[in-house]
Amino acid sequence: MDPIRRKILTTSAAATAMAAARRVFARQTAKTGAAMSFYERGPVRIRYEEAGSGFPLLLIAGGGLNSTIAGLKRGDPFNPIDDFKAEYRCIASDLRNANGGESSGPLEIERPWDAYTDDHLGLMDHLRIDKFMVMGFCIGGPFIWNLLKRAPDRVVAAVLAQPSGSRPEMRDLFYETNSKGWGPELVKRRHDITTEMVDRFLTKMYRTNADFVFTVTRDFVRSCRTPVLILPDDIPAHPYAVAMEAAMLAPNAEVSMFPWKEPKERIPLAVRQIRSFLRAHRPA
C-alpha cells in the first residue's frame, strides 16, 4: 500500500475511533449526569466522577474497603448524588484497590488510613479545590475524622451517616470481614500483592488501634471545632454507642433522629436534615 495512502487511512481511522469514543462518553455523561475521570499521582490511579455544580461536596461510599461510586448510586439508604447535585458539586471516587472499582495503588502497610486520606486530599488538589464539605457512609466515618485531623482548615462541615466504629466486644470484626470479603479477591487481581501483605495491612488498620473511630482519639474529637452531623446506626459494624459518644464529645455536633432508616418513610426526613445542615454551613 502506498505510504501516503496508508497514513491517510490510519489517521482517518483514528479520528473515527476518537469521535466514536467522544459520542459514547457524551452518552454516558448524559445518561448518568456525571463525568468519569482519573486522577494519577505516582503509582496511584483514582477513578472519580463529578455531578452537579455549586460548593464542592466530597462523597465517600460505604462498603468498607470495597467502597465504590456504584455503592453511592445503589441508593442504600439513599443516593446522595441524585439528592444533592442540584445544589452542590458532588465528587465521588472508587477507593484505592476496592474490588469492583477502578482505582488502584500500592498497599501502604505502615499507614493505611493516611494513604486513603492522601487520595481524598490529592483528588481535591487535582481539582483545584481548597475548601469543601464531605459526606461519608460507613467507613466514611473514620475517613472523615482523619480528614478533619489532617485538613481542619479545608473541611467546612461534615456529615457522618451510619459511621463505622470499634465495638469492645467485637474488636476483630473489620479485620475478619475484610480478610474474607476484600483481601482474597485483591490478591487474585494483583500479582504484586500477597496474602501476607494483606494481613499486615489489615492488622495495622484495624488491630493496632482497635478503639473508638480508629483514626482519631477522643481528645481530638473533643477539640474539633468543625460542624458535624451524625446519623447513627446500630448494627455490628456501625455501633450506636460509638456514634453517640462522638456526637457528645464534638463541640459543634448535631444528631439525627434515631432510627432514621426504618421505617423507610423516615429517610426523606433525614435527607432534609442533611440539606438544612449543609446549607447552614455552606460559605456564601
Protein backbone atom coordinates (compact mmCIF):
# COMPACT_ATOMS: atom_id res chain seq x y z
CA MET A 1 0.00 0.00 0.00
CA ASP A 2 1.20 3.50 -0.85
CA PRO A 3 2.71 5.04 2.35
CA ILE A 4 0.78 8.30 1.96
CA ARG A 5 -2.49 6.45 1.43
CA ARG A 6 -1.75 4.24 4.44
CA LYS A 7 -1.12 7.31 6.58
CA ILE A 8 -4.38 8.91 5.43
CA LEU A 9 -6.35 5.75 6.19
CA THR A 10 -4.69 5.34 9.59
CA THR A 11 -5.35 8.94 10.52
CA SER A 12 -8.93 8.68 9.34
CA ALA A 13 -9.50 5.50 11.36
CA ALA A 14 -8.03 7.10 14.47
CA ALA A 15 -10.21 10.17 14.05
CA THR A 16 -13.27 7.99 13.58
CA ALA A 17 -12.44 5.99 16.72
CA MET A 18 -11.88 9.15 18.74
CA ALA A 19 -15.17 10.62 17.55
CA ALA A 20 -16.98 7.40 18.45
CA ALA A 21 -15.36 7.41 21.89
CA ARG A 22 -16.45 11.01 22.42
CA ARG A 23 -20.01 10.10 21.45
CA VAL A 24 -20.04 7.15 23.86
CA PHE A 25 -18.65 9.31 26.64
CA ALA A 26 -21.20 12.01 25.91
CA ARG A 27 -24.00 9.43 26.07
CA GLN A 28 -22.65 8.07 29.34
CA THR A 29 -22.38 11.54 30.82
CA ALA A 30 -25.86 12.48 29.65
CA LYS A 31 -27.29 9.23 30.98
CA THR A 32 -25.69 9.38 34.42
CA GLY A 33 -25.31 13.11 34.85
CA ALA A 34 -21.69 12.54 35.90
CA ALA A 35 -18.35 12.78 34.14
CA MET A 36 -15.93 9.91 34.82
CA SER A 37 -12.24 10.75 35.03
CA PHE A 38 -8.97 9.51 36.50
CA TYR A 39 -6.51 11.25 38.77
CA GLU A 40 -2.95 9.94 38.96
CA ARG A 41 -0.19 10.53 41.49
CA GLY A 42 2.86 8.34 41.06
CA PRO A 43 1.73 4.68 41.26
CA VAL A 44 -1.75 5.69 42.48
CA ARG A 45 -4.62 5.95 39.99
CA ILE A 46 -8.01 7.09 41.28
CA ARG A 47 -11.22 6.92 39.30
CA TYR A 48 -13.65 9.71 40.17
CA GLU A 49 -16.86 11.29 38.97
CA GLU A 50 -18.37 14.74 39.28
CA ALA A 51 -22.01 15.73 39.07
CA GLY A 52 -23.86 18.99 39.57
CA SER A 53 -22.48 22.41 40.41
CA GLY A 54 -22.06 24.67 43.40
CA PHE A 55 -19.95 24.41 46.53
CA PRO A 56 -17.83 21.20 46.48
CA LEU A 57 -19.21 18.19 48.35
CA LEU A 58 -16.95 15.14 48.63
CA LEU A 59 -18.95 11.92 48.90
CA ILE A 60 -17.47 8.72 50.40
CA ALA A 61 -19.40 5.50 49.84
CA GLY A 62 -19.87 2.75 52.39
CA GLY A 63 -18.89 -0.83 51.79
CA GLY A 64 -15.68 -0.98 53.78
CA LEU A 65 -12.55 -1.40 51.67
CA ASN A 66 -14.81 -2.17 48.70
CA SER A 67 -16.18 1.39 48.74
CA THR A 68 -17.03 2.48 45.18
CA ILE A 69 -19.02 5.14 43.33
CA ALA A 70 -21.52 2.42 42.43
CA GLY A 71 -22.23 2.00 46.13
CA LEU A 72 -23.46 5.58 46.33
CA LYS A 73 -25.71 5.10 43.31
CA ARG A 74 -27.41 2.00 44.68
CA GLY A 75 -29.49 4.23 46.91
CA ASP A 76 -29.00 2.30 50.14
CA PRO A 77 -30.13 4.08 52.22
CA PHE A 78 -30.32 6.97 49.70
CA ASN A 79 -28.45 8.25 46.64
CA PRO A 80 -26.56 11.39 47.74
CA ILE A 81 -25.54 12.25 44.17
CA ASP A 82 -29.14 12.46 42.99
CA ASP A 83 -30.26 14.21 46.17
CA PHE A 84 -27.57 16.90 46.28
CA LYS A 85 -26.24 17.54 42.77
CA ALA A 86 -28.81 20.31 42.21
CA GLU A 87 -27.06 22.42 44.87
CA TYR A 88 -23.52 21.08 45.11
CA ARG A 89 -20.60 19.99 43.00
CA CYS A 90 -20.68 16.35 44.05
CA ILE A 91 -17.35 14.50 43.82
CA ALA A 92 -17.04 10.75 44.42
CA SER A 93 -14.32 8.17 43.82
CA ASP A 94 -13.63 4.46 43.96
CA LEU A 95 -11.49 3.61 46.96
CA ARG A 96 -7.96 2.55 46.15
CA ASN A 97 -7.89 -1.21 45.42
CA ALA A 98 -11.61 -1.71 46.05
CA ASN A 99 -12.96 -4.86 44.41
CA GLY A 100 -15.46 -3.77 41.77
CA GLY A 101 -13.80 -0.37 41.44
CA GLU A 102 -11.25 1.10 39.04
CA SER A 103 -8.86 2.81 41.45
CA SER A 104 -5.50 1.22 42.20
CA GLY A 105 -2.30 1.78 44.08
CA PRO A 106 0.17 0.16 46.45
CA LEU A 107 -0.72 -1.19 49.88
CA GLU A 108 0.89 1.27 52.27
CA ILE A 109 1.12 -1.16 55.13
CA GLU A 110 2.51 1.22 57.74
CA ARG A 111 -0.03 3.98 57.11
CA PRO A 112 -3.29 2.52 55.74
CA TRP A 113 -5.71 5.21 56.91
CA ASP A 114 -3.44 8.06 55.87
CA ALA A 115 -2.88 6.52 52.44
CA TYR A 116 -6.61 6.71 51.73
CA THR A 117 -6.75 10.25 53.11
CA ASP A 118 -3.88 11.13 50.78
CA ASP A 119 -6.11 10.00 47.91
CA HIS A 120 -9.06 12.12 49.08
CA LEU A 121 -6.98 15.24 49.62
CA GLY A 122 -4.95 14.60 46.46
CA LEU A 123 -8.16 14.44 44.44
CA MET A 124 -9.26 17.80 45.85
CA ASP A 125 -5.85 19.25 44.99
CA HIS A 126 -6.10 17.80 41.49
CA LEU A 127 -9.46 19.52 41.04
CA ARG A 128 -8.00 22.75 42.50
CA ILE A 129 -10.50 22.71 45.32
CA ASP A 130 -9.36 24.27 48.57
CA LYS A 131 -12.36 24.22 50.89
CA PHE A 132 -15.10 21.61 50.68
CA MET A 133 -17.77 19.76 52.63
CA VAL A 134 -17.85 15.99 52.98
CA MET A 135 -20.47 13.30 53.49
CA GLY A 136 -19.47 9.72 54.20
CA PHE A 137 -21.21 6.43 54.90
CA CYS A 138 -19.91 3.51 56.98
CA ILE A 139 -16.12 3.55 56.53
CA GLY A 140 -16.57 7.18 55.51
CA GLY A 141 -16.89 7.97 59.22
CA PRO A 142 -13.28 7.12 60.12
CA PHE A 143 -12.12 8.67 56.85
CA ILE A 144 -13.91 11.93 57.71
CA TRP A 145 -12.38 12.12 61.18
CA ASN A 146 -8.96 11.64 59.57
CA LEU A 147 -9.73 14.41 57.06
CA LEU A 148 -10.69 16.70 59.92
CA LYS A 149 -7.39 15.87 61.63
CA ARG A 150 -5.26 16.25 58.51
CA ALA A 151 -7.00 19.24 56.88
CA PRO A 152 -9.03 21.11 59.52
CA ASP A 153 -8.89 24.38 57.57
CA ARG A 154 -10.22 22.81 54.37
CA VAL A 155 -13.24 20.82 55.55
CA VAL A 156 -16.07 23.28 56.17
CA ALA A 157 -18.63 20.78 57.51
CA ALA A 158 -19.09 17.02 57.60
CA VAL A 159 -21.95 14.51 57.59
CA LEU A 160 -21.26 11.04 59.02
CA ALA A 161 -24.04 8.62 58.08
CA GLN A 162 -24.12 5.21 59.82
CA PRO A 163 -20.43 5.61 60.73
CA SER A 164 -18.17 2.66 61.46
CA GLY A 165 -16.70 2.26 64.93
CA SER A 166 -14.99 -0.25 67.15
CA ARG A 167 -17.10 -2.39 69.49
CA PRO A 168 -15.20 -3.56 72.60
CA GLU A 169 -16.89 -6.97 72.35
CA MET A 170 -16.09 -7.33 68.60
CA ARG A 171 -12.62 -5.85 68.17
CA ASP A 172 -11.71 -8.10 65.23
CA LEU A 173 -14.92 -7.56 63.25
CA PHE A 174 -13.42 -5.40 60.50
CA TYR A 175 -10.19 -7.38 60.31
CA GLU A 176 -12.13 -10.60 59.78
CA THR A 177 -14.69 -9.09 57.39
CA ASN A 178 -12.05 -7.62 55.11
CA SER A 179 -9.82 -10.70 55.36
CA LYS A 180 -12.69 -12.63 53.76
CA GLY A 181 -14.52 -10.09 51.61
CA TRP A 182 -11.70 -7.88 50.32
CA GLY A 183 -8.27 -9.48 50.59
CA PRO A 184 -8.66 -12.74 48.63
CA GLU A 185 -10.12 -11.09 45.52
CA LEU A 186 -7.46 -8.36 45.61
CA VAL A 187 -4.69 -10.98 45.73
CA LYS A 188 -6.23 -12.71 42.70
CA ARG A 189 -6.23 -9.47 40.70
CA ARG A 190 -2.87 -8.12 41.78
CA HIS A 191 0.18 -10.34 41.41
CA ASP A 192 2.27 -7.78 43.32
CA ILE A 193 0.14 -8.19 46.45
CA THR A 194 0.30 -11.27 48.66
CA THR A 195 -1.96 -12.66 51.38
CA GLU A 196 0.74 -11.91 53.92
CA MET A 197 0.81 -8.25 52.82
CA VAL A 198 -2.97 -8.02 53.12
CA ASP A 199 -2.81 -9.47 56.63
CA ARG A 200 -0.19 -6.94 57.71
CA PHE A 201 -2.19 -4.10 56.13
CA LEU A 202 -5.44 -5.08 57.89
CA THR A 203 -3.63 -5.68 61.17
CA LYS A 204 -2.19 -2.19 61.09
CA MET A 205 -5.54 -0.70 60.03
CA TYR A 206 -7.92 -2.49 62.38
CA ARG A 207 -5.95 -4.20 65.15
CA THR A 208 -3.17 -1.80 66.10
CA ASN A 209 -5.54 0.87 67.37
CA ALA A 210 -8.83 -1.02 67.63
CA ASP A 211 -10.70 1.63 69.59
CA PHE A 212 -13.37 4.28 69.15
CA VAL A 213 -13.37 5.50 65.50
CA PHE A 214 -9.95 4.04 64.55
CA THR A 215 -8.42 7.22 63.10
CA VAL A 216 -8.56 9.79 65.91
CA THR A 217 -8.70 9.91 69.69
CA ARG A 218 -11.48 11.12 71.93
CA ASP A 219 -9.33 14.12 72.82
CA PHE A 220 -9.17 15.08 69.15
CA VAL A 221 -12.96 14.85 68.74
CA ARG A 222 -13.39 16.90 71.91
CA SER A 223 -11.22 19.66 70.42
CA CYS A 224 -12.60 19.52 66.85
CA ARG A 225 -14.50 22.75 66.05
CA THR A 226 -15.76 21.70 62.60
CA PRO A 227 -19.56 21.32 62.44
CA VAL A 228 -20.53 17.68 62.10
CA LEU A 229 -23.89 15.98 61.65
CA ILE A 230 -24.03 12.36 62.76
CA LEU A 231 -26.72 9.91 61.66
CA PRO A 232 -26.19 6.86 63.89
CA ASP A 233 -26.95 3.27 63.06
CA ASP A 234 -26.99 0.20 65.30
CA ILE A 235 -25.55 -2.87 63.62
CA PRO A 236 -22.26 -4.63 64.47
CA ALA A 237 -20.21 -2.54 62.02
CA HIS A 238 -21.98 0.74 62.89
CA PRO A 239 -22.23 0.84 66.69
CA TYR A 240 -24.77 3.31 68.05
CA ALA A 241 -22.78 3.86 71.24
CA VAL A 242 -19.65 4.99 69.38
CA ALA A 243 -21.58 7.33 67.09
CA MET A 244 -23.34 8.93 70.05
CA GLU A 245 -20.14 9.19 72.05
CA ALA A 246 -18.53 11.10 69.18
CA ALA A 247 -21.61 13.34 68.93
CA MET A 248 -21.46 14.10 72.65
CA LEU A 249 -17.74 14.88 72.53
CA ALA A 250 -17.64 17.07 69.41
CA PRO A 251 -18.49 20.65 70.45
CA ASN A 252 -20.29 21.53 67.20
CA ALA A 253 -22.06 18.23 66.57
CA GLU A 254 -25.68 17.65 65.65
CA VAL A 255 -27.52 14.32 65.64
CA SER A 256 -30.36 13.00 63.52
CA MET A 257 -33.43 11.22 64.80
CA PHE A 258 -32.94 7.53 65.53
CA PRO A 259 -33.77 5.26 63.87
CA TRP A 260 -33.75 7.28 60.67
CA LYS A 261 -33.69 4.45 58.10
CA GLU A 262 -36.64 2.45 59.39
CA PRO A 263 -39.41 2.75 58.53
CA LYS A 264 -38.21 3.90 55.11
CA GLU A 265 -40.63 6.83 55.22
CA ARG A 266 -38.17 8.47 57.62
CA ILE A 267 -35.31 8.60 55.13
CA PRO A 268 -36.60 11.74 53.34
CA LEU A 269 -36.73 13.47 56.74
CA ALA A 270 -33.07 12.59 57.32
CA VAL A 271 -32.15 13.88 53.85
CA ARG A 272 -33.94 17.14 54.62
CA GLN A 273 -31.97 17.49 57.84
CA ILE A 274 -28.72 16.90 55.95
CA ARG A 275 -29.74 19.52 53.40
CA SER A 276 -30.53 22.07 56.11
CA PHE A 277 -27.25 21.33 57.89
CA LEU A 278 -25.18 21.76 54.72
CA ARG A 279 -26.98 24.98 53.78
CA ALA A 280 -26.41 26.39 57.25
CA HIS A 281 -22.65 25.87 56.99
CA ARG A 282 -22.09 26.46 53.28
CA PRO A 283 -19.89 29.51 52.68
CA ALA A 284 -21.64 32.42 50.99
